[in-house]
N, C-alpha and C. Protein backbone atom coordinates (compact mmCIF):
# COMPACT_ATOMS: atom_id res chain seq x y z
N SER A 1 -11.25 37.35 5.46
CA SER A 1 -12.78 36.59 4.43
C SER A 1 -13.79 36.46 5.75
N GLY A 2 -13.38 36.82 7.21
CA GLY A 2 -14.59 36.99 8.04
C GLY A 2 -15.13 35.66 8.77
N ILE A 3 -14.10 34.33 8.34
CA ILE A 3 -14.61 33.17 8.42
C ILE A 3 -13.25 32.98 9.61
N SER A 4 -14.07 32.37 10.46
CA SER A 4 -13.25 31.85 11.71
C SER A 4 -11.92 31.16 11.41
N SER A 5 -11.21 31.42 12.26
CA SER A 5 -9.52 30.56 11.95
C SER A 5 -9.98 29.13 11.83
N ALA A 6 -10.77 28.76 12.91
CA ALA A 6 -11.25 27.45 13.27
C ALA A 6 -11.51 26.63 12.25
N THR A 7 -12.69 27.45 11.70
CA THR A 7 -13.67 27.13 10.60
C THR A 7 -12.72 26.72 9.10
N LEU A 8 -11.72 27.94 9.63
CA LEU A 8 -11.06 27.85 7.70
C LEU A 8 -9.91 26.86 7.88
N GLY A 9 -9.63 26.38 8.89
CA GLY A 9 -8.59 25.74 8.99
C GLY A 9 -8.80 24.37 8.78
N ARG A 10 -10.06 23.86 9.02
CA ARG A 10 -10.55 22.48 8.70
C ARG A 10 -11.20 22.39 7.28
N ILE A 11 -11.56 23.83 6.73
CA ILE A 11 -11.92 23.74 5.21
C ILE A 11 -10.91 23.40 4.34
N VAL A 12 -9.82 24.44 4.39
CA VAL A 12 -8.60 24.48 3.55
C VAL A 12 -7.83 23.20 3.13
N ARG A 13 -7.97 22.40 4.36
CA ARG A 13 -7.31 20.73 4.07
C ARG A 13 -7.90 19.85 3.13
N LEU A 14 -9.05 20.09 2.98
CA LEU A 14 -9.85 19.15 2.40
C LEU A 14 -9.74 19.82 0.46
N ARG A 15 -9.34 18.45 -0.09
CA ARG A 15 -9.49 18.82 -1.77
C ARG A 15 -10.55 18.57 -2.21
N MET A 16 -10.82 19.78 -3.30
CA MET A 16 -12.20 19.95 -3.86
C MET A 16 -12.85 18.53 -4.72
N ASN A 17 -11.47 17.78 -5.08
CA ASN A 17 -11.79 16.66 -5.91
C ASN A 17 -12.34 15.30 -4.66
N TRP A 18 -12.16 15.33 -3.56
CA TRP A 18 -12.50 14.43 -2.90
C TRP A 18 -13.92 14.34 -2.76
N GLN A 19 -14.35 13.08 -3.18
CA GLN A 19 -15.70 13.02 -3.03
C GLN A 19 -16.19 12.48 -1.75
N PRO A 20 -17.32 11.85 -1.10
CA PRO A 20 -17.95 11.22 -0.33
C PRO A 20 -17.88 9.85 -0.68
N MET A 21 -17.35 8.75 -0.52
CA MET A 21 -17.24 7.31 -0.74
C MET A 21 -18.02 6.43 -0.32
N ALA A 22 -18.63 5.54 -0.50
CA ALA A 22 -19.29 4.60 0.11
C ALA A 22 -18.47 3.38 0.55
N PRO A 23 -18.81 2.90 1.62
CA PRO A 23 -17.58 1.69 2.15
C PRO A 23 -17.73 0.77 0.84
N GLY A 24 -16.47 0.24 0.85
CA GLY A 24 -16.32 -0.91 -0.23
C GLY A 24 -15.25 -0.87 -0.81
N VAL A 25 -15.15 -1.86 -1.85
CA VAL A 25 -13.60 -1.89 -2.67
C VAL A 25 -13.98 -1.18 -4.17
N TYR A 26 -12.76 -0.55 -4.40
CA TYR A 26 -12.76 0.19 -5.71
C TYR A 26 -11.92 -0.43 -6.73
N PHE A 27 -12.04 -0.41 -7.91
CA PHE A 27 -10.49 -0.69 -8.43
C PHE A 27 -10.51 0.35 -9.36
N ILE A 28 -9.60 1.11 -8.88
CA ILE A 28 -8.73 2.03 -9.72
C ILE A 28 -8.13 1.86 -11.06
N ASN A 29 -8.34 2.18 -12.05
CA ASN A 29 -7.54 2.29 -13.73
C ASN A 29 -7.07 3.83 -14.21
N GLN A 30 -6.37 4.00 -13.89
CA GLN A 30 -5.59 5.55 -14.53
C GLN A 30 -4.31 5.66 -15.22
N LYS A 31 -4.37 6.67 -16.00
CA LYS A 31 -2.98 6.90 -16.58
C LYS A 31 -2.92 8.33 -16.04
N SER A 32 -1.74 8.32 -15.32
CA SER A 32 -0.83 9.76 -14.69
C SER A 32 0.59 10.07 -15.73
N GLY A 33 0.71 10.80 -16.20
CA GLY A 33 2.04 10.99 -17.00
C GLY A 33 2.37 9.75 -17.75
N PRO A 34 3.28 9.36 -17.49
CA PRO A 34 3.79 8.02 -17.96
C PRO A 34 3.11 6.73 -17.28
N HIS A 35 2.54 6.77 -16.43
CA HIS A 35 2.32 5.74 -15.56
C HIS A 35 0.64 5.47 -15.77
N VAL A 36 1.04 4.04 -15.82
CA VAL A 36 -0.58 3.52 -15.73
C VAL A 36 -0.86 2.98 -14.49
N ILE A 37 -1.94 3.32 -13.99
CA ILE A 37 -1.98 3.00 -12.17
C ILE A 37 -3.17 2.17 -11.98
N ARG A 38 -2.80 1.02 -11.54
CA ARG A 38 -3.87 0.01 -11.36
C ARG A 38 -3.73 -0.37 -9.43
N TYR A 39 -5.08 -0.04 -9.24
CA TYR A 39 -4.90 -0.95 -7.60
C TYR A 39 -6.09 -0.91 -7.14
N PHE A 40 -6.76 -1.46 -6.04
CA PHE A 40 -7.78 -1.78 -5.42
C PHE A 40 -7.52 -0.83 -4.31
N LEU A 41 -9.09 -0.33 -3.77
CA LEU A 41 -9.06 0.62 -2.75
C LEU A 41 -9.95 0.06 -1.68
N GLY A 42 -9.67 -0.20 -0.75
CA GLY A 42 -10.51 -0.40 0.16
C GLY A 42 -11.45 0.80 0.98
N ILE A 43 -12.30 1.29 1.72
CA ILE A 43 -13.15 2.50 1.88
C ILE A 43 -13.93 1.55 2.96
N PRO A 44 -13.40 2.09 4.37
CA PRO A 44 -13.95 1.29 5.71
C PRO A 44 -15.77 1.82 5.90
N ARG A 45 -15.86 1.30 6.83
CA ARG A 45 -17.46 1.79 6.82
C ARG A 45 -17.79 3.07 7.55
N ALA A 46 -16.55 3.23 7.99
CA ALA A 46 -17.17 4.76 9.11
C ALA A 46 -16.20 5.57 8.24
N TYR A 47 -16.06 5.66 7.16
CA TYR A 47 -15.25 6.59 6.08
C TYR A 47 -15.71 7.69 6.28
N ASP A 48 -15.26 9.19 6.54
CA ASP A 48 -15.95 10.56 6.37
C ASP A 48 -14.93 11.24 5.79
N VAL A 49 -14.97 11.88 4.85
CA VAL A 49 -13.86 12.71 3.59
C VAL A 49 -13.26 13.94 5.11
N THR A 50 -13.66 14.26 5.70
CA THR A 50 -13.73 15.46 6.70
C THR A 50 -12.87 14.89 7.43
N TYR A 51 -12.16 13.87 7.67
CA TYR A 51 -11.03 13.36 8.45
C TYR A 51 -10.10 13.01 7.74
N SER A 52 -8.98 12.95 7.91
CA SER A 52 -7.75 12.44 7.95
C SER A 52 -7.59 10.60 8.06
N TRP A 53 -7.21 9.73 7.33
CA TRP A 53 -7.54 8.24 7.65
C TRP A 53 -6.12 7.58 7.45
N PRO A 54 -5.70 6.60 8.14
CA PRO A 54 -4.49 6.20 8.03
C PRO A 54 -4.34 5.06 6.48
N LEU A 55 -3.50 4.72 5.85
CA LEU A 55 -3.52 4.38 4.72
C LEU A 55 -2.76 2.87 5.37
N VAL A 56 -3.28 1.66 5.02
CA VAL A 56 -2.75 0.32 5.23
C VAL A 56 -2.40 -0.37 3.30
N VAL A 57 -1.02 -0.46 2.73
CA VAL A 57 -0.93 -0.55 1.54
C VAL A 57 -0.08 -2.08 1.83
N ARG A 58 -1.11 -2.91 1.46
CA ARG A 58 -0.71 -4.59 1.60
C ARG A 58 -0.06 -5.04 0.36
N LEU A 59 0.94 -5.64 0.28
CA LEU A 59 1.18 -6.24 -1.27
C LEU A 59 0.98 -7.85 -1.26
N PRO A 60 0.52 -7.96 -2.22
CA PRO A 60 -0.28 -9.41 -2.13
C PRO A 60 0.78 -10.38 -2.76
N THR A 61 0.87 -11.58 -2.53
CA THR A 61 2.09 -12.42 -3.07
C THR A 61 1.68 -13.18 -4.53
N ALA A 62 2.01 -13.31 -5.10
CA ALA A 62 1.64 -14.13 -6.65
C ALA A 62 1.27 -15.56 -6.84
N ASN A 63 1.00 -16.37 -5.61
CA ASN A 63 0.55 -17.62 -5.51
C ASN A 63 -0.62 -17.57 -6.20
N ALA A 64 -1.93 -16.74 -5.77
CA ALA A 64 -3.05 -16.71 -5.97
C ALA A 64 -3.59 -16.53 -8.14
N PHE A 65 -2.22 -16.06 -8.20
CA PHE A 65 -2.42 -15.60 -9.60
C PHE A 65 -1.79 -16.76 -10.56
N LEU A 66 -0.95 -17.53 -9.77
CA LEU A 66 -0.24 -18.95 -10.87
C LEU A 66 -0.91 -19.98 -10.93
N THR A 67 -2.16 -19.71 -11.54
CA THR A 67 -2.57 -21.17 -11.46
C THR A 67 -2.81 -21.67 -12.86
N ASN A 68 -3.19 -22.73 -13.41
CA ASN A 68 -3.45 -23.21 -14.60
C ASN A 68 -4.60 -23.93 -14.72
N PRO A 69 -5.54 -23.04 -15.79
CA PRO A 69 -5.26 -21.73 -16.36
C PRO A 69 -5.29 -20.63 -15.44
N PRO A 70 -4.59 -19.47 -15.85
CA PRO A 70 -4.58 -18.15 -14.66
C PRO A 70 -6.14 -17.47 -14.89
N PRO A 71 -6.29 -17.03 -13.59
CA PRO A 71 -7.61 -16.64 -13.10
C PRO A 71 -7.69 -15.48 -14.34
N ASP A 72 -9.06 -15.30 -14.65
CA ASP A 72 -9.71 -14.27 -15.46
C ASP A 72 -9.71 -12.53 -14.64
N ALA A 73 -10.20 -11.92 -15.49
CA ALA A 73 -10.27 -10.75 -15.02
C ALA A 73 -10.97 -10.41 -13.97
N ASP A 74 -12.43 -11.05 -14.27
CA ASP A 74 -13.29 -11.29 -13.05
C ASP A 74 -13.21 -12.01 -12.11
N ALA A 75 -12.41 -13.27 -12.08
CA ALA A 75 -11.64 -14.05 -10.77
C ALA A 75 -10.63 -13.06 -10.20
N VAL A 76 -9.74 -12.39 -10.63
CA VAL A 76 -8.83 -11.57 -10.26
C VAL A 76 -9.34 -10.31 -9.30
N ALA A 77 -10.76 -9.69 -9.81
CA ALA A 77 -11.40 -8.62 -8.93
C ALA A 77 -12.07 -9.77 -7.87
N LYS A 78 -12.49 -10.66 -8.06
CA LYS A 78 -13.13 -11.30 -6.64
C LYS A 78 -12.03 -11.74 -5.84
N ILE A 79 -10.93 -11.89 -6.16
CA ILE A 79 -9.86 -12.37 -5.77
C ILE A 79 -9.34 -11.04 -4.53
N TYR A 80 -9.05 -9.93 -5.04
CA TYR A 80 -8.64 -8.75 -4.48
C TYR A 80 -9.66 -8.52 -3.64
N THR A 81 -10.92 -8.46 -4.16
CA THR A 81 -12.08 -7.63 -3.57
C THR A 81 -12.30 -8.70 -2.26
N GLN A 82 -12.17 -10.17 -2.15
CA GLN A 82 -12.08 -10.54 -0.68
C GLN A 82 -10.69 -10.42 0.13
N TRP A 83 -9.74 -10.25 -0.90
CA TRP A 83 -8.62 -9.80 0.51
C TRP A 83 -8.95 -8.25 0.99
N ILE A 84 -9.18 -7.61 0.50
CA ILE A 84 -9.34 -6.18 0.80
C ILE A 84 -10.63 -5.91 1.87
N THR A 85 -11.70 -6.76 1.59
CA THR A 85 -12.76 -7.22 2.64
C THR A 85 -12.22 -7.58 3.69
N ASP A 86 -11.08 -8.62 3.85
CA ASP A 86 -10.69 -9.40 5.06
C ASP A 86 -9.73 -7.97 5.41
N GLU A 87 -8.82 -7.68 4.99
CA GLU A 87 -8.32 -6.34 5.57
C GLU A 87 -9.00 -5.07 6.12
N LEU A 88 -10.22 -4.94 5.59
CA LEU A 88 -11.00 -3.98 6.35
C LEU A 88 -11.67 -4.31 7.49
N THR A 89 -11.99 -5.66 7.72
CA THR A 89 -12.28 -6.60 8.78
C THR A 89 -11.00 -6.04 10.00
N ASP A 90 -10.02 -6.37 9.53
CA ASP A 90 -9.24 -6.31 10.66
C ASP A 90 -8.77 -5.14 10.90
N HIS A 91 -8.38 -4.22 9.99
CA HIS A 91 -8.50 -2.37 9.90
C HIS A 91 -9.52 -1.44 9.90
N PRO A 92 -10.40 -1.53 10.83
CA PRO A 92 -11.76 -0.79 10.52
C PRO A 92 -11.66 0.40 10.60
N ASP A 93 -10.40 1.06 11.22
CA ASP A 93 -9.77 2.18 10.97
C ASP A 93 -9.29 2.91 10.33
N ALA A 94 -8.80 2.32 8.86
CA ALA A 94 -8.10 2.30 7.86
C ALA A 94 -8.62 2.41 6.60
N VAL A 95 -7.94 3.03 5.42
CA VAL A 95 -8.00 2.92 4.36
C VAL A 95 -7.40 1.70 3.63
N VAL A 96 -7.63 0.67 3.02
CA VAL A 96 -6.67 -0.28 2.81
C VAL A 96 -6.41 -0.45 1.14
N LEU A 97 -5.32 -0.57 0.78
CA LEU A 97 -4.77 -0.26 -0.90
C LEU A 97 -3.85 -1.57 -1.34
N MET A 98 -4.18 -2.20 -1.97
CA MET A 98 -3.15 -3.11 -2.62
C MET A 98 -3.15 -3.16 -4.26
N PRO A 99 -1.76 -2.70 -4.44
CA PRO A 99 -1.60 -2.59 -6.11
C PRO A 99 -1.81 -3.57 -6.61
N GLN A 100 -2.63 -3.94 -8.23
CA GLN A 100 -2.50 -5.02 -8.69
C GLN A 100 -1.22 -5.55 -9.13
N LEU A 101 -0.80 -6.64 -9.25
CA LEU A 101 0.49 -7.20 -9.43
C LEU A 101 0.44 -7.59 -10.71
N ASN A 102 1.65 -6.85 -11.08
CA ASN A 102 2.21 -7.23 -13.01
C ASN A 102 3.14 -8.13 -12.51
N LEU A 103 2.85 -9.68 -13.19
CA LEU A 103 3.79 -10.82 -12.92
C LEU A 103 5.18 -10.54 -13.87
N ASP A 104 5.08 -9.64 -14.47
CA ASP A 104 6.23 -9.18 -15.49
C ASP A 104 7.20 -8.37 -14.38
N GLU A 105 6.50 -7.59 -13.73
CA GLU A 105 7.23 -6.33 -13.10
C GLU A 105 7.76 -7.09 -11.77
N LEU A 106 6.56 -7.73 -10.92
CA LEU A 106 6.47 -7.75 -9.55
C LEU A 106 6.41 -6.31 -8.85
N TYR A 107 7.04 -6.20 -7.78
CA TYR A 107 7.25 -4.84 -7.19
C TYR A 107 8.80 -4.62 -7.33
N GLY A 108 9.40 -4.51 -8.57
CA GLY A 108 10.73 -4.30 -8.31
C GLY A 108 11.92 -5.38 -8.35
N PRO A 109 12.82 -5.02 -8.05
CA PRO A 109 13.77 -3.91 -7.57
C PRO A 109 13.81 -2.83 -8.39
N GLY A 110 13.35 -2.91 -9.48
CA GLY A 110 13.54 -1.63 -10.57
C GLY A 110 12.64 -0.66 -10.37
N PRO A 111 13.13 0.49 -11.00
CA PRO A 111 12.01 1.44 -10.71
C PRO A 111 10.39 1.46 -11.20
N ILE A 112 10.58 0.33 -12.63
CA ILE A 112 9.01 0.58 -13.13
C ILE A 112 8.33 -0.36 -11.90
N GLY A 113 8.87 -1.39 -11.55
CA GLY A 113 7.96 -2.40 -10.23
C GLY A 113 7.66 -1.49 -9.15
N MET A 114 8.79 -0.83 -8.46
CA MET A 114 8.24 0.12 -7.71
C MET A 114 7.38 1.03 -7.67
N ASN A 115 7.55 1.48 -8.95
CA ASN A 115 6.30 2.61 -9.42
C ASN A 115 4.77 2.13 -9.53
N LEU A 116 4.57 0.68 -9.12
CA LEU A 116 3.52 -0.04 -9.27
C LEU A 116 3.21 0.06 -8.12
N VAL A 117 3.48 0.56 -6.82
CA VAL A 117 3.25 0.46 -5.56
C VAL A 117 3.13 1.92 -5.29
N ILE A 118 4.37 2.58 -5.72
CA ILE A 118 4.41 4.14 -5.08
C ILE A 118 3.35 5.12 -5.97
N GLN A 119 3.18 4.73 -7.62
CA GLN A 119 2.36 5.61 -8.07
C GLN A 119 0.41 5.41 -7.60
N PRO A 120 0.05 4.41 -7.25
CA PRO A 120 -0.84 3.97 -6.48
C PRO A 120 -1.14 4.79 -4.99
N ILE A 121 -0.25 4.81 -4.40
CA ILE A 121 -0.20 5.44 -3.20
C ILE A 121 -0.42 6.99 -3.54
N LEU A 122 0.38 7.69 -4.04
CA LEU A 122 0.21 8.81 -4.65
C LEU A 122 -1.31 9.35 -5.21
N ASN A 123 -1.99 8.69 -5.84
CA ASN A 123 -3.17 8.47 -6.31
C ASN A 123 -4.07 8.33 -5.74
N ALA A 124 -3.75 7.55 -4.30
CA ALA A 124 -5.20 7.28 -3.93
C ALA A 124 -5.49 8.64 -2.61
N ALA A 125 -4.41 9.27 -2.62
CA ALA A 125 -4.38 10.41 -1.71
C ALA A 125 -5.11 11.79 -2.41
N ASP A 126 -5.45 11.42 -3.98
CA ASP A 126 -6.07 12.03 -4.60
C ASP A 126 -7.68 11.88 -4.75
N GLN A 127 -8.03 10.19 -3.81
CA GLN A 127 -9.27 9.92 -4.35
C GLN A 127 -9.69 9.93 -2.68
N ALA A 128 -8.79 9.66 -2.13
CA ALA A 128 -9.52 9.55 -0.46
C ALA A 128 -8.42 10.47 0.54
N ASN A 129 -9.32 10.88 1.71
CA ASN A 129 -8.47 11.63 2.59
C ASN A 129 -7.21 10.85 3.49
N ILE A 130 -6.29 10.63 2.70
CA ILE A 130 -5.30 9.95 3.76
C ILE A 130 -4.24 10.74 4.37
N ASP A 131 -4.10 10.29 5.43
CA ASP A 131 -3.12 11.40 6.54
C ASP A 131 -1.62 10.89 5.65
N PRO A 132 -0.68 11.77 5.39
CA PRO A 132 0.32 11.29 4.64
C PRO A 132 1.34 10.53 5.68
N ALA A 133 1.22 10.91 6.82
CA ALA A 133 1.92 10.84 8.15
C ALA A 133 1.81 9.29 8.78
N ARG A 134 0.29 8.85 8.30
CA ARG A 134 0.37 7.43 8.82
C ARG A 134 -0.17 6.64 7.31
N VAL A 135 1.13 6.30 6.63
CA VAL A 135 0.74 5.13 5.55
C VAL A 135 1.77 3.98 6.09
N TYR A 136 1.39 2.48 5.97
CA TYR A 136 2.09 1.56 6.42
C TYR A 136 2.05 0.67 5.44
N LEU A 137 3.35 0.10 5.38
CA LEU A 137 3.37 -0.89 4.01
C LEU A 137 3.76 -2.50 4.56
N ILE A 138 3.09 -3.36 4.07
CA ILE A 138 2.87 -4.95 4.48
C ILE A 138 3.07 -5.84 3.23
N GLY A 139 3.99 -6.81 3.89
CA GLY A 139 3.73 -7.61 2.83
C GLY A 139 4.63 -9.17 3.43
N HIS A 140 4.24 -10.10 3.12
CA HIS A 140 4.54 -11.71 3.35
C HIS A 140 5.34 -12.46 2.12
N SER A 141 6.31 -12.82 2.52
CA SER A 141 6.99 -13.87 1.66
C SER A 141 7.74 -13.13 0.59
N MET A 142 7.41 -12.99 -0.72
CA MET A 142 8.18 -12.53 -1.67
C MET A 142 7.76 -10.89 -1.64
N ALA A 143 6.50 -10.73 -1.07
CA ALA A 143 5.79 -9.34 -1.17
C ALA A 143 6.80 -8.54 0.32
N ALA A 144 7.31 -9.32 1.18
CA ALA A 144 8.01 -8.88 2.16
C ALA A 144 9.36 -8.47 1.27
N HIS A 145 10.17 -9.03 0.21
CA HIS A 145 11.60 -8.52 -0.14
C HIS A 145 11.00 -7.20 -0.79
N ALA A 146 9.65 -7.33 -1.17
CA ALA A 146 9.34 -5.82 -1.91
C ALA A 146 9.55 -4.51 -0.89
N VAL A 147 8.65 -5.06 0.43
CA VAL A 147 8.37 -4.02 1.15
C VAL A 147 9.78 -3.36 1.72
N TRP A 148 10.89 -3.96 1.94
CA TRP A 148 12.26 -3.76 2.17
C TRP A 148 12.90 -2.96 1.18
N ASN A 149 12.65 -3.67 0.15
CA ASN A 149 13.09 -2.50 -1.08
C ASN A 149 12.78 -1.43 -0.90
N ILE A 150 11.16 -1.44 -1.20
CA ILE A 150 10.50 0.18 -1.61
C ILE A 150 10.73 0.95 0.10
N ALA A 151 10.88 0.49 0.96
CA ALA A 151 11.25 1.42 1.86
C ALA A 151 12.37 2.16 2.14
N ILE A 152 13.60 0.90 1.61
CA ILE A 152 14.89 1.88 1.79
C ILE A 152 14.93 2.62 0.60
N HIS A 153 14.20 2.76 -0.46
CA HIS A 153 14.40 3.94 -1.62
C HIS A 153 13.38 4.73 -1.17
N TYR A 154 12.01 4.74 -0.75
CA TYR A 154 11.25 5.78 -0.03
C TYR A 154 11.03 5.63 1.26
N PRO A 155 11.84 6.33 1.87
CA PRO A 155 11.60 5.91 3.56
C PRO A 155 10.70 6.92 3.70
N THR A 156 10.72 8.09 3.48
CA THR A 156 9.77 9.25 3.86
C THR A 156 8.50 9.49 3.62
N TYR A 157 8.40 8.10 2.65
CA TYR A 157 6.69 7.86 2.17
C TYR A 157 5.96 6.95 3.58
N PHE A 158 6.68 6.33 4.63
CA PHE A 158 5.94 5.53 5.55
C PHE A 158 6.12 5.38 6.73
N ALA A 159 5.29 5.44 7.57
CA ALA A 159 5.25 5.52 9.15
C ALA A 159 5.93 4.42 9.61
N ALA A 160 5.54 3.20 9.27
CA ALA A 160 5.94 2.06 9.41
C ALA A 160 5.85 0.81 8.38
N ILE A 161 6.66 -0.27 8.41
CA ILE A 161 6.80 -1.21 7.50
C ILE A 161 6.48 -2.35 8.45
N ASN A 162 5.94 -3.37 7.74
CA ASN A 162 5.96 -4.72 8.36
C ASN A 162 6.28 -5.91 7.29
N PRO A 163 7.63 -6.12 7.32
CA PRO A 163 8.11 -7.43 5.85
C PRO A 163 7.92 -8.77 7.03
N MET A 164 7.19 -9.50 6.37
CA MET A 164 6.82 -11.06 7.43
C MET A 164 7.57 -11.79 6.02
N ALA A 165 8.81 -12.52 6.90
CA ALA A 165 9.52 -13.65 5.94
C ALA A 165 9.91 -13.49 4.66
N GLY A 166 10.73 -11.89 5.04
CA GLY A 166 11.27 -11.86 3.73
C GLY A 166 12.67 -10.86 4.02
N GLN A 167 13.74 -10.74 3.15
CA GLN A 167 14.84 -10.41 3.45
C GLN A 167 15.47 -9.25 2.52
N ALA A 168 16.44 -8.53 3.30
CA ALA A 168 16.94 -7.50 2.54
C ALA A 168 18.15 -7.84 2.79
N ASP A 169 19.06 -9.19 1.73
CA ASP A 169 20.30 -9.42 2.31
C ASP A 169 20.89 -8.92 1.27
N GLN A 170 21.25 -7.90 0.17
CA GLN A 170 22.09 -7.70 -0.31
C GLN A 170 23.25 -6.26 0.32
N SER A 171 24.45 -6.32 -0.15
CA SER A 171 24.93 -5.50 0.39
C SER A 171 24.60 -3.89 0.53
N TRP A 172 23.95 -3.74 -0.73
CA TRP A 172 23.69 -2.15 -0.93
C TRP A 172 22.30 -1.82 -0.24
N GLN A 173 21.34 -3.04 0.28
CA GLN A 173 20.36 -2.96 0.83
C GLN A 173 20.88 -2.65 2.31
N ARG A 174 21.66 -3.47 2.86
CA ARG A 174 22.44 -3.22 4.31
C ARG A 174 22.87 -1.81 4.48
N ILE A 175 23.28 -1.41 3.67
CA ILE A 175 24.29 -0.14 3.92
C ILE A 175 22.64 0.87 3.70
N ARG A 176 22.03 0.68 3.37
CA ARG A 176 20.76 1.81 3.24
C ARG A 176 19.86 1.44 4.47
N LEU A 177 19.94 0.81 5.22
CA LEU A 177 18.79 0.12 6.57
C LEU A 177 19.08 1.69 7.12
N GLY A 178 19.95 2.42 7.35
CA GLY A 178 20.17 3.60 8.03
C GLY A 178 18.89 4.38 7.67
N ASP A 179 18.48 4.14 6.56
CA ASP A 179 17.94 5.38 6.20
C ASP A 179 16.92 4.96 6.61
N LEU A 180 16.00 3.91 7.68
CA LEU A 180 14.79 3.34 8.39
C LEU A 180 14.65 3.96 9.38
N ARG A 181 15.69 4.59 9.90
CA ARG A 181 15.51 5.09 11.23
C ARG A 181 14.35 6.12 12.00
N ASN A 182 13.68 6.61 11.07
CA ASN A 182 12.57 7.47 11.27
C ASN A 182 11.50 6.58 11.08
N VAL A 183 11.34 5.43 10.50
CA VAL A 183 10.64 4.47 10.07
C VAL A 183 10.47 3.33 11.24
N LEU A 184 9.12 2.88 11.80
CA LEU A 184 9.11 1.70 12.65
C LEU A 184 8.94 0.59 11.83
N ALA A 185 10.07 -0.56 11.75
CA ALA A 185 10.35 -1.70 10.90
C ALA A 185 9.71 -2.98 11.79
N VAL A 186 8.26 -3.46 11.78
CA VAL A 186 8.14 -4.41 12.76
C VAL A 186 8.12 -5.60 11.62
N VAL A 187 9.16 -6.40 12.26
CA VAL A 187 9.81 -7.75 11.29
C VAL A 187 8.96 -8.67 12.00
N TRP A 188 8.53 -9.57 11.07
CA TRP A 188 8.34 -11.01 11.72
C TRP A 188 9.09 -11.90 11.19
N HIS A 189 9.27 -12.96 11.68
CA HIS A 189 10.42 -14.56 11.11
C HIS A 189 10.10 -15.26 11.72
N ASP A 190 9.81 -16.54 11.14
CA ASP A 190 9.71 -17.72 12.18
C ASP A 190 11.62 -18.19 12.07
N ALA A 191 11.73 -18.44 13.29
CA ALA A 191 13.52 -18.57 13.29
C ALA A 191 13.52 -20.36 12.89
N SER A 192 12.41 -20.90 12.15
CA SER A 192 12.49 -22.64 11.58
C SER A 192 12.34 -22.46 10.19
N ASP A 193 12.11 -21.00 9.68
CA ASP A 193 12.05 -20.95 8.34
C ASP A 193 12.92 -21.69 7.94
N THR A 194 12.93 -22.36 6.85
CA THR A 194 13.98 -23.59 6.02
C THR A 194 13.98 -22.53 4.81
N VAL A 195 12.97 -22.27 4.35
CA VAL A 195 13.17 -21.40 2.96
C VAL A 195 13.87 -19.80 2.84
N VAL A 196 13.59 -18.86 3.86
CA VAL A 196 14.35 -17.85 3.71
C VAL A 196 15.04 -17.95 5.48
N LYS A 197 16.23 -17.92 5.63
CA LYS A 197 16.60 -18.09 6.51
C LYS A 197 16.90 -16.88 7.48
N VAL A 198 16.57 -16.71 9.08
CA VAL A 198 16.24 -16.02 9.52
C VAL A 198 17.40 -14.74 9.64
N ASP A 199 18.54 -15.24 9.14
CA ASP A 199 19.54 -14.31 9.69
C ASP A 199 19.57 -13.38 8.56
């Protein structure tokens, strides 16, 4: 081609469908094969499509949606937008993803629920320049159970996981914990937790 290898190397790793994205929160609602993909994507202020960015995947808990009456679509969007904005403030050097929680499926443990997390991760890589070697999964309480479950099923997808006050206490889960040998597991749990025992 006559183009220097240094220049060509920087060009070929960029996907044609990546568009410059303004900082902010985006709601993605797409169909990919059999999957309906719904998630919120937070783009940091310094985002540049020519650089690979870490991806922080935060699984929200159901508490905010279990109200009477339940929040409507606009209220749900406001809740997620605030959560994403808070995460971008805490992680200005990363893209942030939150799957839209399906209260019927949650995040598994079955494949339908787990795909509510995995498919948005795969789709986000088509939207923004995500570094596949720096994908981090975070969850608290019921979402922490899902962090353990998803990580032991898809250990090659994550550089690190952060389950907070959640457990993987089933025998089949504990057998699979060895699959996380190449995943940094940062586990937070209060020794005085009376709901989920620390052991």
